């Protein structure tokens, strides 16, 4: 199973790692990456709406073999 991770580094602030709450698990890495991509873009839009300058950001999916 896969979970989405999003990392956002706003200028003048420490980088923050986000994951869904509650954590959602996806059957394939491809499906997870599709969700992560959309959430990443939505989050960046929100940060920019509130005046944050994004220095760096990325999205990825992490495999969690403890979930069946």
C-alpha atoms as a PDB file:
ATOM      1  CA  UNK A   1       0.000   0.000   0.000  1.00  0.00           C
ATOM      2  CA  UNK A   2       1.114   3.556  -0.709  1.00  0.00           C
ATOM      3  CA  UNK A   3       0.595   6.876   1.089  1.00  0.00           C
ATOM      4  CA  UNK A   4       1.046  10.395  -0.267  1.00  0.00           C
ATOM      5  CA  UNK A   5       3.685  12.733   1.170  1.00  0.00           C
ATOM      6  CA  UNK A   6       3.978  16.436   0.319  1.00  0.00           C
ATOM      7  CA  UNK A   7       6.920  18.629   1.329  1.00  0.00           C
ATOM      8  CA  UNK A   8       6.650  22.416   1.198  1.00  0.00           C
ATOM      9  CA  UNK A   9       9.458  24.882   1.925  1.00  0.00           C
ATOM     10  CA  UNK A  10       8.228  28.459   2.180  1.00  0.00           C
ATOM     11  CA  UNK A  11      10.773  31.273   2.093  1.00  0.00           C
ATOM     12  CA  UNK A  12      11.856  32.184   5.631  1.00  0.00           C
ATOM     13  CA  UNK A  13      10.164  29.135   7.187  1.00  0.00           C
ATOM     14  CA  UNK A  14      11.294  25.578   7.853  1.00  0.00           C
ATOM     15  CA  UNK A  15      10.200  22.897   5.411  1.00  0.00           C
ATOM     16  CA  UNK A  16       7.031  21.070   6.429  1.00  0.00           C
ATOM     17  CA  UNK A  17       6.118  17.469   5.617  1.00  0.00           C
ATOM     18  CA  UNK A  18       2.417  16.769   5.130  1.00  0.00           C
ATOM     19  CA  UNK A  19       0.437  13.565   4.848  1.00  0.00           C
ATOM     20  CA  UNK A  20      -3.293  13.009   4.732  1.00  0.00           C
ATOM     21  CA  UNK A  21      -5.136  12.928   8.067  1.00  0.00           C
ATOM     22  CA  UNK A  22      -6.441  10.336   8.464  1.00  0.00           C
ATOM     23  CA  UNK A  23      -3.833   8.643   6.308  1.00  0.00           C
ATOM     24  CA  UNK A  24      -5.269   7.250   3.070  1.00  0.00           C
ATOM     25  CA  UNK A  25      -3.615   4.226   1.487  1.00  0.00           C
ATOM     26  CA  UNK A  26      -3.595   3.486  -2.245  1.00  0.00           C
ATOM     27  CA  UNK A  27      -3.271   0.135  -3.989  1.00  0.00           C
ATOM     28  CA  UNK A  28      -0.770   1.350  -6.580  1.00  0.00           C
ATOM     29  CA  UNK A  29       2.034   3.873  -6.690  1.00  0.00           C
ATOM     30  CA  UNK A  30       0.531   5.397  -9.847  1.00  0.00           C
ATOM     31  CA  UNK A  31      -2.835   6.111  -8.159  1.00  0.00           C
ATOM     32  CA  UNK A  32      -1.022   7.521  -5.137  1.00  0.00           C
ATOM     33  CA  UNK A  33       1.086   9.823  -7.331  1.00  0.00           C
ATOM     34  CA  UNK A  34      -2.035  11.096  -9.118  1.00  0.00           C
ATOM     35  CA  UNK A  35      -3.616  12.014  -5.771  1.00  0.00           C
ATOM     36  CA  UNK A  36      -0.361  13.493  -4.440  1.00  0.00           C
ATOM     37  CA  UNK A  37       0.055  15.629  -7.575  1.00  0.00           C
ATOM     38  CA  UNK A  38      -3.438  17.123  -7.202  1.00  0.00           C
ATOM     39  CA  UNK A  39      -3.087  17.727  -3.462  1.00  0.00           C
ATOM     40  CA  UNK A  40       0.370  19.256  -3.998  1.00  0.00           C
ATOM     41  CA  UNK A  41      -0.998  21.748  -6.523  1.00  0.00           C
ATOM     42  CA  UNK A  42      -3.986  22.596  -4.298  1.00  0.00           C
ATOM     43  CA  UNK A  43      -1.701  23.177  -1.314  1.00  0.00           C
ATOM     44  CA  UNK A  44       0.694  25.410  -3.266  1.00  0.00           C
ATOM     45  CA  UNK A  45      -2.236  27.486  -4.463  1.00  0.00           C
ATOM     46  CA  UNK A  46      -3.398  27.855  -0.850  1.00  0.00           C
ATOM     47  CA  UNK A  47       0.047  28.869   0.404  1.00  0.00           C
ATOM     48  CA  UNK A  48       0.367  31.453  -2.365  1.00  0.00           C
ATOM     49  CA  UNK A  49      -3.132  32.787  -1.654  1.00  0.00           C
ATOM     50  CA  UNK A  50      -1.990  33.589   1.889  1.00  0.00           C
ATOM     51  CA  UNK A  51       1.151  35.326   0.664  1.00  0.00           C
ATOM     52  CA  UNK A  52       3.786  32.657   1.195  1.00  0.00           C
ATOM     53  CA  UNK A  53       6.648  32.486  -1.309  1.00  0.00           C
ATOM     54  CA  UNK A  54       7.348  28.823  -2.043  1.00  0.00           C
ATOM     55  CA  UNK A  55      11.078  28.167  -2.174  1.00  0.00           C
ATOM     56  CA  UNK A  56      10.822  24.444  -2.896  1.00  0.00           C
ATOM     57  CA  UNK A  57       8.166  21.742  -2.882  1.00  0.00           C
ATOM     58  CA  UNK A  58       7.742  18.144  -3.908  1.00  0.00           C
ATOM     59  CA  UNK A  59       5.333  15.264  -3.709  1.00  0.00           C
ATOM     60  CA  UNK A  60       6.035  11.558  -3.477  1.00  0.00           C
ATOM     61  CA  UNK A  61       4.500   8.310  -2.396  1.00  0.00           C
ATOM     62  CA  UNK A  62       5.907   6.108   0.323  1.00  0.00           C
ATOM     63  CA  UNK A  63       5.336   2.388   0.399  1.00  0.00           C
ATOM     64  CA  UNK A  64       4.031   1.008   3.697  1.00  0.00           C
ATOM     65  CA  UNK A  65       4.246  -2.768   3.822  1.00  0.00           C
ATOM     66  CA  UNK A  66       2.770  -2.900   7.340  1.00  0.00           C
ATOM     67  CA  UNK A  67      -0.693  -2.268   5.826  1.00  0.00           C
ATOM     68  CA  UNK A  68      -2.300  -5.239   4.135  1.00  0.00           C
END
